[in-house]
Amino acid sequence: MLLLFSTSLSIDENRNPTEKGSGMEVSGRGFQDLPEGCIAHVISLTSPRDSCRSAGTSTAFRAAAESDTVWDRFLPSDICSVLSRAVEPVECSSRRELFFRLCDPILIDGGRMSFALDKSSGAKCYMLSAREMKIVWGDTPSYWHWLSADDYSYADEYSFADDYSYADGYSFADDYRYSLSLPPARFSEVAHLVGVCWLEIGGSIDRQVLSPNTTYAAHLVFKLVGETSSFTHPPQKVSVKAGDNESSHTVRLQPPTFNYRRHYPHGLLFDDDEEEETEETTEGDDASLPCSRADGWMEVEMGEFFNKEGEDGEVEMSLMEVEGGHWKNGLIIHGIEVRPKKN
């Protein structure tokens, strides 16, 4: 009877669910006589999105679609282990309430990572904070500053405490100030690039903590502030390596909306001979560009991978620009988000 029910189930999404005989129907008679557990089992074989749709078709379906039997199936099997790592307790009265609570990120592992569920599929999503990432020269204050929420949430301006000088006349004066406008951060700290010519950042995540048989994409979450330099040209290389599979391509953290110019904190500087700057072209360039996020940050895809069930090891993600000695500054690193790839 269960097989007959599951194969003869159909949804007419164009009809009014309040009309008699509309919405979800079962061929034959005796629909209302089906046990709630039978209906719940079939719904649990679909997806969270389908479950929510089915709840509006009839009273019987609503009771089944909102039952713990259904939503326990949609929650990850290791959800108790994940919740034990939460910074703050997560308390919910039902499995359905817990699922939707986890569609909003929670902090885990001492606040160095976040965890969430994809609302459509229930697949696990993680975000590595900047502190959880590997940032070359990240502990050297003359190259990177670590900003807490208080540093940019309650001040209109941010200033460097010291005078940082570099080769080729590249310097930050101690009275250099600029407006630091950042959206709310998920974590307590973000990394601020003061100035480097060797940009190398990355992170890794254990494949076992991700949902099996799922295609994932890794995204660098960032912001550019002040007068940035060298994020349009040259392009940066991003890569994602999972097991023996590795993908790489180039990105431009700053879209080429103008001809490439050398920017410095105190304005545009020319060589001693006052030569006109050389126009840099991106014609025919296939470098990926960032896009805006709903939370106010920017993101760029670093690559994708398929997390096959049973495979272990770590997924390694990186962004680099280390050629030519181009000084870069004004980059704020929020983290790397790993979430299911959307079709």
Protein backbone atom coordinates (compact mmCIF):
# COMPACT_ATOMS: atom_id res chain seq x y z
CA MET A 1 0.00 0.00 0.00
CA LEU A 2 2.92 2.34 0.78
CA LEU A 3 4.43 1.84 -2.66
CA LEU A 4 1.08 2.57 -4.32
CA PHE A 5 0.70 5.72 -2.23
CA SER A 6 4.16 7.07 -3.01
CA THR A 7 3.92 6.49 -6.73
CA SER A 8 0.43 7.87 -7.15
CA LEU A 9 1.07 11.06 -5.18
CA SER A 10 0.80 14.23 -7.23
CA ILE A 11 0.80 17.94 -6.46
CA ASP A 12 -1.08 20.53 -8.48
CA GLU A 13 0.63 23.77 -7.49
CA ASN A 14 -1.65 25.91 -9.66
CA ARG A 15 -4.83 25.12 -7.72
CA ASN A 16 -6.08 26.74 -4.57
CA PRO A 17 -5.26 24.47 -1.60
CA THR A 18 -8.48 25.56 0.12
CA GLU A 19 -10.64 24.21 -2.71
CA LYS A 20 -12.09 20.78 -2.41
CA GLY A 21 -10.08 18.20 -4.28
CA SER A 22 -7.18 20.59 -4.99
CA GLY A 23 -3.52 20.39 -4.10
CA MET A 24 -2.21 16.94 -3.23
CA GLU A 25 -4.35 14.00 -4.23
CA VAL A 26 -4.12 10.24 -4.11
CA SER A 27 -5.60 8.12 -6.83
CA GLY A 28 -8.36 5.89 -5.57
CA ARG A 29 -10.31 6.17 -2.33
CA GLY A 30 -9.49 5.99 1.35
CA PHE A 31 -6.96 8.84 1.48
CA GLN A 32 -8.14 10.08 4.85
CA ASP A 33 -7.85 6.55 6.22
CA LEU A 34 -4.09 6.33 5.60
CA PRO A 35 -2.16 6.25 8.90
CA GLU A 36 -0.33 9.47 9.75
CA GLY A 37 2.88 7.49 10.14
CA CYS A 38 2.55 6.22 6.57
CA ILE A 39 2.10 9.73 5.21
CA ALA A 40 4.96 11.03 7.36
CA HIS A 41 7.31 8.33 6.09
CA VAL A 42 6.62 9.22 2.45
CA ILE A 43 7.07 12.94 3.09
CA SER A 44 10.35 12.26 4.87
CA LEU A 45 11.68 10.79 1.62
CA THR A 46 11.27 14.13 -0.15
CA SER A 47 12.88 17.42 0.93
CA PRO A 48 12.25 20.19 3.48
CA ARG A 49 10.82 22.38 0.72
CA ASP A 50 8.40 19.66 -0.45
CA SER A 51 7.37 18.99 3.13
CA CYS A 52 6.41 22.62 3.65
CA ARG A 53 4.43 22.63 0.42
CA SER A 54 2.57 19.46 1.32
CA ALA A 55 1.55 20.86 4.72
CA GLY A 56 -0.85 23.24 3.02
CA THR A 57 -2.76 20.62 1.06
CA SER A 58 -4.88 19.02 3.80
CA THR A 59 -5.24 18.61 7.54
CA ALA A 60 -3.88 15.08 7.38
CA PHE A 61 -0.84 16.17 5.46
CA ARG A 62 -0.17 19.12 7.79
CA ALA A 63 -0.05 16.88 10.85
CA ALA A 64 2.28 14.44 9.10
CA ALA A 65 4.47 17.10 7.48
CA GLU A 66 5.10 18.86 10.81
CA SER A 67 5.83 15.71 12.79
CA ASP A 68 9.19 14.95 14.37
CA THR A 69 9.37 11.80 12.24
CA VAL A 70 9.69 13.91 9.10
CA TRP A 71 12.02 16.59 10.40
CA ASP A 72 14.27 14.18 12.22
CA ARG A 73 14.99 12.71 8.78
CA PHE A 74 15.87 16.15 7.41
CA LEU A 75 18.30 16.93 10.24
CA PRO A 76 21.89 15.64 9.90
CA SER A 77 22.56 12.33 11.66
CA ASP A 78 25.34 13.96 13.70
CA ILE A 79 23.29 16.99 14.75
CA CYS A 80 23.78 16.24 18.47
CA SER A 81 27.55 16.32 17.99
CA VAL A 82 27.33 19.63 16.12
CA LEU A 83 25.11 21.20 18.80
CA SER A 84 27.58 20.14 21.50
CA ARG A 85 30.12 22.45 19.82
CA ALA A 86 27.78 25.47 19.84
CA VAL A 87 28.97 28.60 21.63
CA GLU A 88 25.47 29.14 23.03
CA PRO A 89 22.82 26.47 23.76
CA VAL A 90 20.21 25.89 21.05
CA GLU A 91 16.83 25.09 22.59
CA CYS A 92 13.78 24.18 20.48
CA SER A 93 10.48 22.47 21.22
CA SER A 94 10.33 20.32 18.08
CA ARG A 95 12.59 18.93 15.36
CA ARG A 96 10.93 21.20 12.82
CA GLU A 97 11.63 24.26 14.96
CA LEU A 98 15.23 23.11 15.37
CA PHE A 99 15.65 22.72 11.61
CA PHE A 100 14.51 26.26 10.86
CA ARG A 101 16.51 27.67 13.78
CA LEU A 102 19.62 26.14 12.21
CA CYS A 103 18.87 27.73 8.86
CA ASP A 104 20.35 30.81 10.54
CA PRO A 105 24.06 30.31 11.35
CA ILE A 106 25.18 29.44 14.86
CA LEU A 107 28.74 29.85 16.14
CA ILE A 108 30.68 26.70 17.01
CA ASP A 109 34.21 25.78 18.07
CA GLY A 110 34.73 28.77 20.32
CA GLY A 111 33.36 31.18 17.73
CA ARG A 112 35.97 30.35 15.09
CA MET A 113 33.43 28.68 12.76
CA SER A 114 29.73 28.84 12.03
CA PHE A 115 27.26 26.11 11.13
CA ALA A 116 23.93 26.28 9.30
CA LEU A 117 21.53 24.16 7.27
CA ASP A 118 20.51 24.83 3.70
CA LYS A 119 16.79 25.57 3.88
CA SER A 120 15.92 23.80 0.62
CA SER A 121 17.89 20.59 1.01
CA GLY A 122 18.95 20.37 4.66
CA ALA A 123 22.60 20.04 3.62
CA LYS A 124 25.22 21.31 6.06
CA CYS A 125 26.93 24.67 5.56
CA TYR A 126 30.06 25.89 7.32
CA MET A 127 31.95 29.14 7.42
CA LEU A 128 35.56 29.46 8.56
CA SER A 129 36.36 32.73 10.32
CA ALA A 130 39.45 34.69 9.37
CA ARG A 131 41.07 33.39 12.59
CA GLU A 132 40.43 29.82 11.43
CA MET A 133 42.10 30.52 8.08
CA LYS A 134 45.76 30.39 7.12
CA ILE A 135 46.97 33.91 6.30
CA VAL A 136 50.62 34.32 5.37
CA TRP A 137 52.08 37.17 7.49
CA GLY A 138 48.75 37.26 9.35
CA ASP A 139 50.48 37.66 12.71
CA THR A 140 52.69 40.52 11.54
CA PRO A 141 51.01 43.84 12.50
CA SER A 142 52.81 45.78 9.78
CA TYR A 143 51.08 43.60 7.18
CA TRP A 144 47.76 42.62 8.75
CA HIS A 145 45.61 44.10 11.51
CA TRP A 146 42.99 42.12 13.42
CA LEU A 147 39.87 44.19 13.99
CA SER A 148 37.27 43.41 16.61
CA ALA A 149 33.64 44.48 16.21
CA ASP A 150 34.32 47.47 18.50
CA ASP A 151 37.03 48.72 16.13
CA TYR A 152 34.59 49.46 13.32
CA SER A 153 31.11 49.33 14.84
CA TYR A 154 31.41 52.30 17.12
CA ALA A 155 33.90 54.52 15.30
CA ASP A 156 33.52 56.48 12.09
CA GLU A 157 37.24 56.36 11.39
CA TYR A 158 40.04 53.93 11.92
CA SER A 159 43.71 54.92 12.05
CA PHE A 160 46.95 53.01 11.99
CA ALA A 161 48.98 53.23 15.17
CA ASP A 162 52.40 53.22 13.49
CA ASP A 163 54.15 54.45 10.38
CA TYR A 164 54.58 51.52 8.01
CA SER A 165 57.01 52.07 5.15
CA TYR A 166 57.73 49.71 2.30
CA ALA A 167 59.82 49.55 -0.83
CA ASP A 168 59.22 51.74 -3.88
CA GLY A 169 57.87 54.58 -1.78
CA TYR A 170 54.84 52.64 -0.60
CA SER A 171 54.01 53.87 2.90
CA PHE A 172 51.27 54.43 5.42
CA ALA A 173 51.69 57.57 7.51
CA ASP A 174 50.81 57.52 11.18
CA ASP A 175 48.15 60.18 10.65
CA TYR A 176 46.52 58.37 7.75
CA ARG A 177 42.82 57.86 8.44
CA TYR A 178 39.86 56.74 6.42
CA SER A 179 36.26 55.89 7.02
CA LEU A 180 35.80 52.20 7.82
CA SER A 181 32.24 51.22 6.98
CA LEU A 182 31.62 47.51 7.38
CA PRO A 183 28.44 45.46 7.68
CA PRO A 184 27.89 43.37 10.83
CA ALA A 185 30.33 40.47 11.04
CA ARG A 186 29.38 36.93 11.98
CA PHE A 187 32.56 36.54 14.02
CA SER A 188 34.23 38.62 16.72
CA GLU A 189 37.23 39.49 14.53
CA VAL A 190 38.05 40.18 10.91
CA ALA A 191 41.45 40.49 9.23
CA HIS A 192 42.44 43.83 7.69
CA LEU A 193 45.20 43.89 5.08
CA VAL A 194 47.52 46.84 5.77
CA GLY A 195 49.84 46.09 2.87
CA VAL A 196 51.60 43.09 1.33
CA CYS A 197 53.08 42.18 -2.04
CA TRP A 198 52.76 38.46 -1.28
CA LEU A 199 49.05 37.69 -0.80
CA GLU A 200 48.34 34.11 0.24
CA ILE A 201 45.29 33.09 2.23
CA GLY A 202 43.36 29.85 2.56
CA GLY A 203 41.64 27.33 4.75
CA SER A 204 40.62 23.70 5.01
CA ILE A 205 37.66 21.66 6.22
CA ASP A 206 37.23 17.96 6.96
CA ARG A 207 35.09 16.23 4.33
CA GLN A 208 33.50 14.02 6.99
CA VAL A 209 31.65 16.97 8.56
CA LEU A 210 29.97 17.86 5.25
CA SER A 211 26.83 16.30 3.82
CA PRO A 212 27.58 13.22 1.67
CA ASN A 213 26.87 13.02 -2.06
CA THR A 214 26.55 16.78 -2.28
CA THR A 215 28.20 19.28 -4.62
CA TYR A 216 29.70 22.13 -2.62
CA ALA A 217 31.16 25.51 -3.54
CA ALA A 218 33.65 27.51 -1.47
CA HIS A 219 33.27 31.29 -1.32
CA LEU A 220 35.68 33.91 -0.01
CA VAL A 221 33.69 36.51 1.96
CA PHE A 222 35.37 39.92 2.05
CA LYS A 223 35.16 43.70 1.71
CA LEU A 224 37.40 46.33 0.12
CA VAL A 225 37.81 49.59 2.05
CA GLY A 226 39.65 52.85 1.47
CA GLU A 227 41.75 53.30 -1.64
CA THR A 228 42.61 49.73 -2.48
CA SER A 229 45.38 48.69 -4.83
CA SER A 230 46.22 45.73 -7.08
CA PHE A 231 42.93 43.85 -6.74
CA THR A 232 41.89 44.52 -10.33
CA HIS A 233 45.26 43.77 -11.88
CA PRO A 234 46.94 41.38 -11.72
CA PRO A 235 44.13 38.83 -11.18
CA GLN A 236 44.26 36.52 -8.19
CA LYS A 237 44.38 32.73 -8.45
CA VAL A 238 41.89 30.66 -6.45
CA SER A 239 41.85 26.90 -6.08
CA VAL A 240 39.92 24.14 -4.33
CA LYS A 241 41.49 20.71 -3.81
CA ALA A 242 39.49 17.69 -2.61
CA GLY A 243 41.40 14.43 -2.69
CA ASP A 244 42.94 13.93 -6.12
CA ASN A 245 40.65 16.52 -7.71
CA GLU A 246 41.73 20.13 -7.91
CA SER A 247 40.13 23.07 -9.71
CA SER A 248 41.61 26.53 -10.16
CA HIS A 249 40.80 29.75 -11.96
CA THR A 250 41.44 33.48 -11.65
CA VAL A 251 39.33 36.14 -9.98
CA ARG A 252 39.42 39.90 -9.62
CA LEU A 253 38.37 40.99 -6.15
CA GLN A 254 37.83 44.47 -7.56
CA PRO A 255 35.86 44.61 -10.84
CA PRO A 256 37.69 46.44 -13.66
CA THR A 257 35.36 49.44 -13.79
CA PHE A 258 38.23 51.72 -14.77
CA ASN A 259 41.66 51.45 -16.32
CA TYR A 260 44.21 49.92 -13.98
CA ARG A 261 46.05 52.51 -11.94
CA ARG A 262 48.47 52.38 -9.07
CA HIS A 263 46.72 53.66 -5.94
CA TYR A 264 48.38 54.81 -2.76
CA PRO A 265 46.83 55.92 0.52
CA HIS A 266 47.55 59.61 -0.17
CA GLY A 267 46.46 59.68 -3.77
CA LEU A 268 47.68 58.71 -7.23
CA LEU A 269 51.48 58.83 -7.58
CA PHE A 270 53.40 58.98 -10.85
CA ASP A 271 56.98 58.11 -11.61
CA ASP A 272 59.59 60.84 -11.47
CA ASP A 273 59.40 61.39 -15.22
CA GLU A 274 55.61 61.96 -14.94
CA GLU A 275 54.87 59.39 -17.62
CA GLU A 276 51.23 58.68 -18.33
CA GLU A 277 50.02 55.43 -16.83
CA THR A 278 49.77 52.43 -19.10
CA GLU A 279 46.27 51.21 -19.85
CA GLU A 280 45.67 47.65 -18.72
CA THR A 281 43.14 45.67 -20.67
CA THR A 282 40.97 42.84 -19.47
CA GLU A 283 39.53 42.13 -22.90
CA GLY A 284 38.88 38.44 -23.36
CA ASP A 285 39.58 37.87 -19.68
CA ASP A 286 37.65 35.01 -18.04
CA ALA A 287 38.45 35.96 -14.43
CA SER A 288 35.46 35.66 -12.11
CA LEU A 289 34.13 38.76 -10.37
CA PRO A 290 32.64 39.11 -6.88
CA CYS A 291 28.98 39.64 -6.11
CA SER A 292 27.08 41.22 -3.23
CA ARG A 293 25.63 39.13 -0.41
CA ALA A 294 22.40 39.72 1.47
CA ASP A 295 24.40 40.43 4.66
CA GLY A 296 26.23 43.36 3.06
CA TRP A 297 29.56 41.61 2.41
CA MET A 298 31.02 40.59 -0.95
CA GLU A 299 31.86 37.07 -2.05
CA VAL A 300 33.67 35.35 -4.88
CA GLU A 301 33.52 31.64 -5.67
CA MET A 302 36.83 29.88 -5.15
CA GLY A 303 35.77 26.57 -6.70
CA GLU A 304 33.52 23.58 -6.25
CA PHE A 305 33.82 19.89 -5.41
CA PHE A 306 31.65 16.81 -5.01
CA ASN A 307 31.68 15.33 -1.52
CA LYS A 308 31.21 11.63 -2.22
CA GLU A 309 29.96 9.50 0.66
CA GLY A 310 32.72 7.61 2.41
CA GLU A 311 35.60 9.79 1.23
CA ASP A 312 37.75 11.35 3.94
CA GLY A 313 40.58 13.86 4.10
CA GLU A 314 40.40 17.63 3.94
CA VAL A 315 39.23 20.10 1.33
CA GLU A 316 41.87 22.79 0.82
CA MET A 317 40.90 26.25 -0.44
CA SER A 318 43.24 29.12 -1.30
CA LEU A 319 43.61 32.54 -2.90
CA MET A 320 47.01 33.80 -4.05
CA GLU A 321 48.69 36.67 -5.86
CA VAL A 322 52.44 36.48 -5.42
CA GLU A 323 53.89 37.51 -8.78
CA GLY A 324 55.34 40.82 -9.82
CA GLY A 325 55.71 42.41 -6.40
CA HIS A 326 52.40 44.31 -6.58
CA TRP A 327 51.55 45.90 -3.24
CA LYS A 328 47.99 45.33 -2.08
CA ASN A 329 46.01 46.94 0.73
CA GLY A 330 42.47 47.65 1.92
CA LEU A 331 41.17 44.06 1.96
CA ILE A 332 38.97 42.90 4.85
CA ILE A 333 38.71 39.12 5.23
CA HIS A 334 35.53 37.84 6.89
CA GLY A 335 36.00 34.15 6.15
CA ILE A 336 35.42 31.27 3.74
CA GLU A 337 31.90 29.85 3.42
CA VAL A 338 31.36 26.28 2.20
CA ARG A 339 27.78 25.63 1.14
CA PRO A 340 25.85 23.46 -1.35
CA LYS A 341 26.21 24.53 -4.95
CA LYS A 342 23.00 25.93 -6.39
CA ASN A 343 21.95 24.72 -9.83
